[in-house]
Amino acid sequence: MCVLAVERLANNRGTRLTLVDGFMQPHLKAYGQKLERMDQSRKDARVFKITVWDPKQRSVDWPRFQVGVIYELKKIHGLKFYHDILQGSVQAVGPTNPGIIKEYQDFETAKRARADQPDAAGPDENAGENDREELTP
């Protein structure tokens, strides 16, 4: 997901991100202007808002997000619709949960990294083995 807007929460315990699809990164400025001209209900249907809570250990620095950068967020919880806006939350990276938030410079890099992961490569090689056994007499 590509960051469209970043704001620090009023209680200073987390960051609110407004995200759009990663493939919109090259057109982010124009897309942001287009969203500003839309009414709120149409705009909310095209964005995803997530709250990234600071690490529970205060010795760990809270994450800093940049507009226009692509992030992969894992272990999102509390996913719900609130006034037709898809929202969720995630605990920020700490020593106990590394790898929750990954940063990529562009969409193609993120896509290649996702394809290189063994669990994201596709279906299991042996997925159709049971079907072949049933066909043999």
N, C-alpha and C. Protein backbone atom coordinates (compact mmCIF):
# COMPACT_ATOMS: atom_id res chain seq x y z
N MET A 1 0.85 -1.17 0.00
CA MET A 1 0.00 0.00 0.00
C MET A 1 0.90 1.24 0.00
N CYS A 2 0.46 2.27 -0.68
CA CYS A 2 1.22 3.51 -0.79
C CYS A 2 0.61 4.56 0.14
N VAL A 3 1.46 5.26 0.87
CA VAL A 3 1.01 6.24 1.86
C VAL A 3 0.58 7.53 1.15
N LEU A 4 -0.66 7.93 1.39
CA LEU A 4 -1.20 9.17 0.84
C LEU A 4 -1.10 10.30 1.85
N ALA A 5 -1.34 9.99 3.14
CA ALA A 5 -1.28 11.01 4.19
C ALA A 5 -0.85 10.36 5.50
N VAL A 6 -0.14 11.13 6.32
CA VAL A 6 0.33 10.67 7.63
C VAL A 6 -0.05 11.72 8.66
N GLU A 7 -0.60 11.26 9.79
CA GLU A 7 -0.88 12.19 10.88
C GLU A 7 -0.64 11.48 12.21
N ARG A 8 -0.06 12.21 13.14
CA ARG A 8 0.20 11.67 14.48
C ARG A 8 -1.08 11.78 15.29
N LEU A 9 -1.40 10.76 16.08
CA LEU A 9 -2.61 10.78 16.90
C LEU A 9 -2.48 11.83 18.00
N ALA A 10 -3.62 12.34 18.45
CA ALA A 10 -3.63 13.39 19.47
C ALA A 10 -3.02 12.92 20.78
N ASN A 11 -3.18 11.64 21.12
CA ASN A 11 -2.62 11.13 22.38
C ASN A 11 -1.14 10.77 22.26
N ASN A 12 -0.54 10.96 21.09
CA ASN A 12 0.87 10.73 20.83
C ASN A 12 1.29 9.29 21.10
N ARG A 13 0.39 8.35 20.84
CA ARG A 13 0.70 6.93 21.05
C ARG A 13 0.65 6.13 19.74
N GLY A 14 0.46 6.82 18.64
CA GLY A 14 0.38 6.11 17.37
C GLY A 14 0.31 7.06 16.19
N THR A 15 0.26 6.48 15.00
CA THR A 15 0.22 7.23 13.75
C THR A 15 -0.94 6.73 12.91
N ARG A 16 -1.69 7.65 12.31
CA ARG A 16 -2.79 7.30 11.42
C ARG A 16 -2.31 7.46 9.98
N LEU A 17 -2.41 6.38 9.20
CA LEU A 17 -2.00 6.39 7.81
C LEU A 17 -3.22 6.31 6.91
N THR A 18 -3.21 7.08 5.84
CA THR A 18 -4.20 6.95 4.78
C THR A 18 -3.47 6.35 3.59
N LEU A 19 -3.93 5.17 3.16
CA LEU A 19 -3.23 4.40 2.14
C LEU A 19 -4.09 4.22 0.89
N VAL A 20 -3.41 4.10 -0.25
CA VAL A 20 -4.05 3.76 -1.52
C VAL A 20 -3.28 2.59 -2.12
N ASP A 21 -3.77 2.03 -3.21
CA ASP A 21 -3.09 0.92 -3.87
C ASP A 21 -1.67 1.30 -4.26
N GLY A 22 -0.76 0.34 -4.16
CA GLY A 22 0.64 0.59 -4.45
C GLY A 22 0.92 1.00 -5.89
N PHE A 23 0.11 0.49 -6.82
CA PHE A 23 0.36 0.83 -8.23
C PHE A 23 0.05 2.29 -8.54
N MET A 24 -0.56 3.02 -7.59
CA MET A 24 -0.85 4.44 -7.80
C MET A 24 0.34 5.33 -7.45
N GLN A 25 1.45 4.75 -7.00
CA GLN A 25 2.59 5.54 -6.56
C GLN A 25 3.10 6.54 -7.61
N PRO A 26 3.27 6.16 -8.88
CA PRO A 26 3.75 7.15 -9.85
C PRO A 26 2.78 8.31 -10.06
N HIS A 27 1.51 8.11 -9.77
CA HIS A 27 0.49 9.13 -10.00
C HIS A 27 -0.06 9.67 -8.69
N LEU A 28 0.69 9.56 -7.61
CA LEU A 28 0.16 9.86 -6.28
C LEU A 28 -0.28 11.32 -6.13
N LYS A 29 0.50 12.24 -6.63
CA LYS A 29 0.15 13.66 -6.48
C LYS A 29 -1.16 13.98 -7.22
N ALA A 30 -1.27 13.54 -8.46
CA ALA A 30 -2.49 13.80 -9.23
C ALA A 30 -3.68 13.06 -8.62
N TYR A 31 -3.45 11.83 -8.15
CA TYR A 31 -4.53 11.06 -7.53
C TYR A 31 -4.99 11.71 -6.23
N GLY A 32 -4.04 12.23 -5.46
CA GLY A 32 -4.40 12.94 -4.23
C GLY A 32 -5.24 14.17 -4.51
N GLN A 33 -4.90 14.92 -5.56
CA GLN A 33 -5.69 16.09 -5.93
C GLN A 33 -7.08 15.69 -6.39
N LYS A 34 -7.16 14.58 -7.11
CA LYS A 34 -8.47 14.09 -7.57
C LYS A 34 -9.33 13.69 -6.37
N LEU A 35 -8.72 13.03 -5.39
CA LEU A 35 -9.46 12.64 -4.19
C LEU A 35 -9.95 13.85 -3.40
N GLU A 36 -9.15 14.92 -3.37
CA GLU A 36 -9.56 16.14 -2.66
C GLU A 36 -10.80 16.76 -3.28
N ARG A 37 -10.96 16.63 -4.59
CA ARG A 37 -12.12 17.22 -5.27
C ARG A 37 -13.38 16.38 -5.10
N MET A 38 -13.22 15.10 -4.72
CA MET A 38 -14.38 14.22 -4.56
C MET A 38 -15.11 14.51 -3.25
N ASP A 39 -16.39 14.14 -3.23
CA ASP A 39 -17.10 14.24 -1.96
C ASP A 39 -16.59 13.14 -1.03
N GLN A 40 -16.87 13.30 0.25
CA GLN A 40 -16.27 12.43 1.27
C GLN A 40 -16.61 10.95 1.08
N SER A 41 -17.84 10.64 0.71
CA SER A 41 -18.22 9.23 0.58
C SER A 41 -17.48 8.54 -0.56
N ARG A 42 -17.27 9.23 -1.67
CA ARG A 42 -16.53 8.64 -2.79
C ARG A 42 -15.05 8.53 -2.47
N LYS A 43 -14.53 9.51 -1.76
CA LYS A 43 -13.12 9.48 -1.37
C LYS A 43 -12.87 8.31 -0.41
N ASP A 44 -13.74 8.13 0.55
CA ASP A 44 -13.55 7.09 1.56
C ASP A 44 -13.62 5.69 0.96
N ALA A 45 -14.29 5.53 -0.16
CA ALA A 45 -14.37 4.22 -0.81
C ALA A 45 -13.06 3.86 -1.52
N ARG A 46 -12.17 4.82 -1.69
CA ARG A 46 -10.93 4.58 -2.44
C ARG A 46 -9.68 4.56 -1.57
N VAL A 47 -9.83 4.74 -0.26
CA VAL A 47 -8.67 4.75 0.63
C VAL A 47 -8.84 3.72 1.74
N PHE A 48 -7.73 3.40 2.38
CA PHE A 48 -7.70 2.50 3.53
C PHE A 48 -6.97 3.23 4.64
N LYS A 49 -7.59 3.33 5.79
CA LYS A 49 -6.96 4.02 6.92
C LYS A 49 -6.55 2.99 7.96
N ILE A 50 -5.34 3.15 8.46
CA ILE A 50 -4.84 2.21 9.47
C ILE A 50 -4.12 2.99 10.56
N THR A 51 -4.30 2.54 11.78
CA THR A 51 -3.61 3.11 12.93
C THR A 51 -2.44 2.21 13.27
N VAL A 52 -1.24 2.77 13.28
CA VAL A 52 -0.05 2.03 13.67
C VAL A 52 0.30 2.49 15.08
N TRP A 53 0.06 1.61 16.05
CA TRP A 53 0.33 1.94 17.44
C TRP A 53 1.83 1.85 17.71
N ASP A 54 2.32 2.75 18.56
CA ASP A 54 3.73 2.74 18.92
C ASP A 54 4.08 1.45 19.66
N PRO A 55 5.36 1.05 19.63
CA PRO A 55 5.76 -0.14 20.38
C PRO A 55 5.48 0.03 21.87
N LYS A 56 5.17 -1.06 22.52
CA LYS A 56 4.87 -0.99 23.95
C LYS A 56 6.11 -0.63 24.76
N GLN A 57 7.27 -0.99 24.26
CA GLN A 57 8.51 -0.61 24.93
C GLN A 57 8.90 0.77 24.43
N ARG A 58 8.91 1.74 25.31
CA ARG A 58 9.19 3.12 24.90
C ARG A 58 10.64 3.33 24.47
N SER A 59 11.53 2.39 24.78
CA SER A 59 12.92 2.55 24.37
C SER A 59 13.07 2.40 22.85
N VAL A 60 12.10 1.73 22.23
CA VAL A 60 12.11 1.57 20.78
C VAL A 60 11.46 2.79 20.15
N ASP A 61 12.12 3.37 19.16
CA ASP A 61 11.59 4.56 18.51
C ASP A 61 10.37 4.21 17.67
N TRP A 62 9.35 5.09 17.65
CA TRP A 62 8.15 4.83 16.87
C TRP A 62 8.45 5.01 15.39
N PRO A 63 7.76 4.27 14.54
CA PRO A 63 8.07 4.31 13.10
C PRO A 63 7.69 5.66 12.48
N ARG A 64 8.50 6.05 11.53
CA ARG A 64 8.23 7.29 10.80
C ARG A 64 7.88 6.91 9.37
N PHE A 65 6.72 7.34 8.94
CA PHE A 65 6.24 7.00 7.61
C PHE A 65 6.37 8.22 6.70
N GLN A 66 6.60 7.96 5.42
CA GLN A 66 6.75 9.02 4.44
C GLN A 66 5.68 8.89 3.38
N VAL A 67 5.15 10.02 2.97
CA VAL A 67 4.15 10.05 1.90
C VAL A 67 4.81 9.61 0.60
N GLY A 68 4.13 8.74 -0.14
CA GLY A 68 4.63 8.28 -1.43
C GLY A 68 5.46 7.01 -1.37
N VAL A 69 5.72 6.50 -0.18
CA VAL A 69 6.50 5.27 -0.04
C VAL A 69 5.54 4.10 0.12
N ILE A 70 5.93 2.95 -0.41
CA ILE A 70 5.10 1.75 -0.32
C ILE A 70 5.51 0.94 0.90
N TYR A 71 4.52 0.53 1.68
CA TYR A 71 4.76 -0.28 2.87
C TYR A 71 3.92 -1.55 2.78
N GLU A 72 4.50 -2.63 3.27
CA GLU A 72 3.76 -3.88 3.43
C GLU A 72 3.52 -4.03 4.92
N LEU A 73 2.26 -4.09 5.32
CA LEU A 73 1.88 -4.19 6.72
C LEU A 73 1.31 -5.57 6.98
N LYS A 74 1.82 -6.24 8.00
CA LYS A 74 1.34 -7.57 8.33
C LYS A 74 0.68 -7.54 9.71
N LYS A 75 -0.08 -8.57 9.98
CA LYS A 75 -0.76 -8.77 11.27
C LYS A 75 -1.67 -7.60 11.63
N ILE A 76 -2.46 -7.16 10.66
CA ILE A 76 -3.44 -6.10 10.90
C ILE A 76 -4.61 -6.71 11.65
N HIS A 77 -5.02 -6.07 12.73
CA HIS A 77 -6.15 -6.57 13.51
C HIS A 77 -7.18 -5.46 13.67
N GLY A 78 -8.35 -5.83 14.08
CA GLY A 78 -9.41 -4.85 14.25
C GLY A 78 -9.89 -4.27 12.93
N LEU A 79 -9.86 -5.07 11.88
CA LEU A 79 -10.27 -4.61 10.55
C LEU A 79 -11.79 -4.47 10.52
N LYS A 80 -12.27 -3.27 10.18
CA LYS A 80 -13.71 -3.01 10.20
C LYS A 80 -14.03 -1.82 9.30
N PHE A 81 -15.31 -1.67 9.02
CA PHE A 81 -15.81 -0.49 8.33
C PHE A 81 -16.37 0.46 9.37
N TYR A 82 -15.95 1.72 9.32
CA TYR A 82 -16.46 2.75 10.21
C TYR A 82 -16.90 3.91 9.34
N HIS A 83 -18.19 4.17 9.28
CA HIS A 83 -18.76 5.19 8.39
C HIS A 83 -18.28 4.97 6.95
N ASP A 84 -18.34 3.72 6.49
CA ASP A 84 -17.97 3.32 5.13
C ASP A 84 -16.48 3.50 4.82
N ILE A 85 -15.64 3.63 5.84
CA ILE A 85 -14.20 3.71 5.64
C ILE A 85 -13.59 2.42 6.19
N LEU A 86 -12.82 1.72 5.38
CA LEU A 86 -12.15 0.52 5.85
C LEU A 86 -10.99 0.92 6.74
N GLN A 87 -11.01 0.43 7.99
CA GLN A 87 -9.99 0.80 8.95
C GLN A 87 -9.44 -0.44 9.64
N GLY A 88 -8.23 -0.33 10.13
CA GLY A 88 -7.62 -1.40 10.89
C GLY A 88 -6.52 -0.83 11.76
N SER A 89 -5.87 -1.70 12.53
CA SER A 89 -4.77 -1.25 13.37
C SER A 89 -3.72 -2.34 13.45
N VAL A 90 -2.49 -1.93 13.76
CA VAL A 90 -1.36 -2.85 13.86
C VAL A 90 -0.41 -2.31 14.91
N GLN A 91 0.24 -3.21 15.65
CA GLN A 91 1.24 -2.80 16.63
C GLN A 91 2.55 -2.58 15.89
N ALA A 92 3.24 -1.49 16.19
CA ALA A 92 4.47 -1.15 15.48
C ALA A 92 5.58 -2.14 15.79
N VAL A 93 6.62 -2.07 14.98
CA VAL A 93 7.74 -3.00 15.09
C VAL A 93 8.46 -2.79 16.42
N GLY A 94 8.70 -3.88 17.09
CA GLY A 94 9.48 -3.88 18.32
C GLY A 94 10.39 -5.08 18.30
N PRO A 95 11.15 -5.28 19.35
CA PRO A 95 12.06 -6.43 19.37
C PRO A 95 11.33 -7.77 19.37
N THR A 96 10.08 -7.80 19.83
CA THR A 96 9.35 -9.06 19.89
C THR A 96 8.61 -9.38 18.60
N ASN A 97 8.38 -8.41 17.73
CA ASN A 97 7.64 -8.67 16.50
C ASN A 97 8.30 -8.00 15.29
N PRO A 98 9.51 -8.44 14.91
CA PRO A 98 10.17 -7.83 13.75
C PRO A 98 9.49 -8.26 12.45
N GLY A 99 9.65 -7.44 11.42
CA GLY A 99 9.13 -7.79 10.10
C GLY A 99 7.65 -7.49 9.90
N ILE A 100 7.01 -6.79 10.82
CA ILE A 100 5.60 -6.47 10.67
C ILE A 100 5.41 -5.41 9.59
N ILE A 101 6.32 -4.44 9.53
CA ILE A 101 6.22 -3.34 8.57
C ILE A 101 7.47 -3.37 7.69
N LYS A 102 7.27 -3.50 6.37
CA LYS A 102 8.39 -3.48 5.43
C LYS A 102 8.20 -2.31 4.48
N GLU A 103 9.30 -1.65 4.17
CA GLU A 103 9.26 -0.48 3.29
C GLU A 103 9.88 -0.83 1.95
N TYR A 104 9.23 -0.37 0.87
CA TYR A 104 9.73 -0.57 -0.49
C TYR A 104 9.76 0.78 -1.19
N GLN A 105 10.72 0.94 -2.09
CA GLN A 105 10.85 2.22 -2.78
C GLN A 105 9.84 2.39 -3.91
N ASP A 106 9.48 1.29 -4.57
CA ASP A 106 8.50 1.40 -5.64
C ASP A 106 7.67 0.13 -5.73
N PHE A 107 6.64 0.18 -6.53
CA PHE A 107 5.69 -0.93 -6.63
C PHE A 107 6.33 -2.18 -7.22
N GLU A 108 7.20 -2.02 -8.21
CA GLU A 108 7.83 -3.18 -8.84
C GLU A 108 8.73 -3.92 -7.86
N THR A 109 9.46 -3.19 -7.02
CA THR A 109 10.30 -3.83 -6.01
C THR A 109 9.45 -4.62 -5.03
N ALA A 110 8.34 -4.05 -4.61
CA ALA A 110 7.44 -4.73 -3.68
C ALA A 110 6.85 -5.98 -4.32
N LYS A 111 6.51 -5.88 -5.59
CA LYS A 111 5.93 -7.02 -6.31
C LYS A 111 6.94 -8.16 -6.44
N ARG A 112 8.19 -7.81 -6.77
CA ARG A 112 9.24 -8.84 -6.88
C ARG A 112 9.52 -9.49 -5.54
N ALA A 113 9.56 -8.71 -4.47
CA ALA A 113 9.82 -9.26 -3.14
C ALA A 113 8.70 -10.21 -2.73
N ARG A 114 7.49 -9.86 -3.07
CA ARG A 114 6.35 -10.72 -2.75
C ARG A 114 6.42 -12.03 -3.52
N ALA A 115 6.85 -11.98 -4.78
CA ALA A 115 6.95 -13.18 -5.60
C ALA A 115 8.09 -14.09 -5.13
N ASP A 116 9.14 -13.51 -4.52
CA ASP A 116 10.28 -14.30 -4.05
C ASP A 116 9.99 -15.06 -2.77
N GLN A 117 8.93 -14.70 -2.05
CA GLN A 117 8.60 -15.40 -0.81
C GLN A 117 8.02 -16.76 -1.15
N PRO A 118 8.47 -17.81 -0.45
CA PRO A 118 7.96 -19.15 -0.79
C PRO A 118 6.48 -19.33 -0.52
N ASP A 119 5.93 -18.69 0.50
CA ASP A 119 4.50 -18.86 0.80
C ASP A 119 3.62 -18.07 -0.15
N ALA A 120 4.18 -17.11 -0.88
CA ALA A 120 3.40 -16.31 -1.81
C ALA A 120 3.62 -16.75 -3.26
N ALA A 121 4.41 -17.80 -3.45
CA ALA A 121 4.76 -18.22 -4.81
C ALA A 121 3.60 -18.82 -5.57
N GLY A 122 2.62 -19.33 -4.88
CA GLY A 122 1.49 -19.92 -5.58
C GLY A 122 1.02 -21.16 -4.88
N PRO A 123 0.20 -21.95 -5.55
CA PRO A 123 -0.33 -23.16 -4.93
C PRO A 123 0.76 -24.20 -4.70
N ASP A 124 0.49 -25.10 -3.80
CA ASP A 124 1.41 -26.17 -3.46
C ASP A 124 1.59 -27.10 -4.65
N GLU A 125 2.81 -27.62 -4.81
CA GLU A 125 3.08 -28.51 -5.95
C GLU A 125 2.23 -29.77 -5.88
N ASN A 126 1.96 -30.26 -4.70
CA ASN A 126 1.23 -31.51 -4.52
C ASN A 126 -0.27 -31.30 -4.35
N ALA A 127 -0.76 -30.14 -4.68
CA ALA A 127 -2.17 -29.84 -4.44
C ALA A 127 -3.08 -30.75 -5.25
N GLY A 128 -2.70 -31.11 -6.45
CA GLY A 128 -3.56 -31.93 -7.30
C GLY A 128 -3.24 -33.41 -7.26
N GLU A 129 -2.38 -33.83 -6.35
CA GLU A 129 -1.97 -35.23 -6.29
C GLU A 129 -3.13 -36.16 -5.96
N ASN A 130 -4.03 -35.75 -5.10
CA ASN A 130 -5.19 -36.57 -4.75
C ASN A 130 -6.09 -36.79 -5.96
N ASP A 131 -6.20 -35.80 -6.81
CA ASP A 131 -7.03 -35.93 -8.01
C ASP A 131 -6.48 -37.01 -8.94
N ARG A 132 -5.16 -37.08 -9.07
CA ARG A 132 -4.54 -38.08 -9.93
C ARG A 132 -4.74 -39.49 -9.37
N GLU A 133 -4.70 -39.62 -8.06
CA GLU A 133 -4.89 -40.93 -7.45
C GLU A 133 -6.30 -41.46 -7.71
N GLU A 134 -7.28 -40.58 -7.71
CA GLU A 134 -8.66 -41.00 -7.93
C GLU A 134 -8.88 -41.48 -9.36
N LEU A 135 -8.13 -40.96 -10.31
CA LEU A 135 -8.31 -41.32 -11.71
C LEU A 135 -7.68 -42.67 -12.05
N THR A 136 -6.66 -43.09 -11.31
CA THR A 136 -6.01 -44.37 -11.62
C THR A 136 -6.85 -45.52 -11.10
N PRO A 137 -6.99 -46.61 -11.90
CA PRO A 137 -7.82 -47.75 -11.47
C PRO A 137 -7.13 -48.61 -10.44
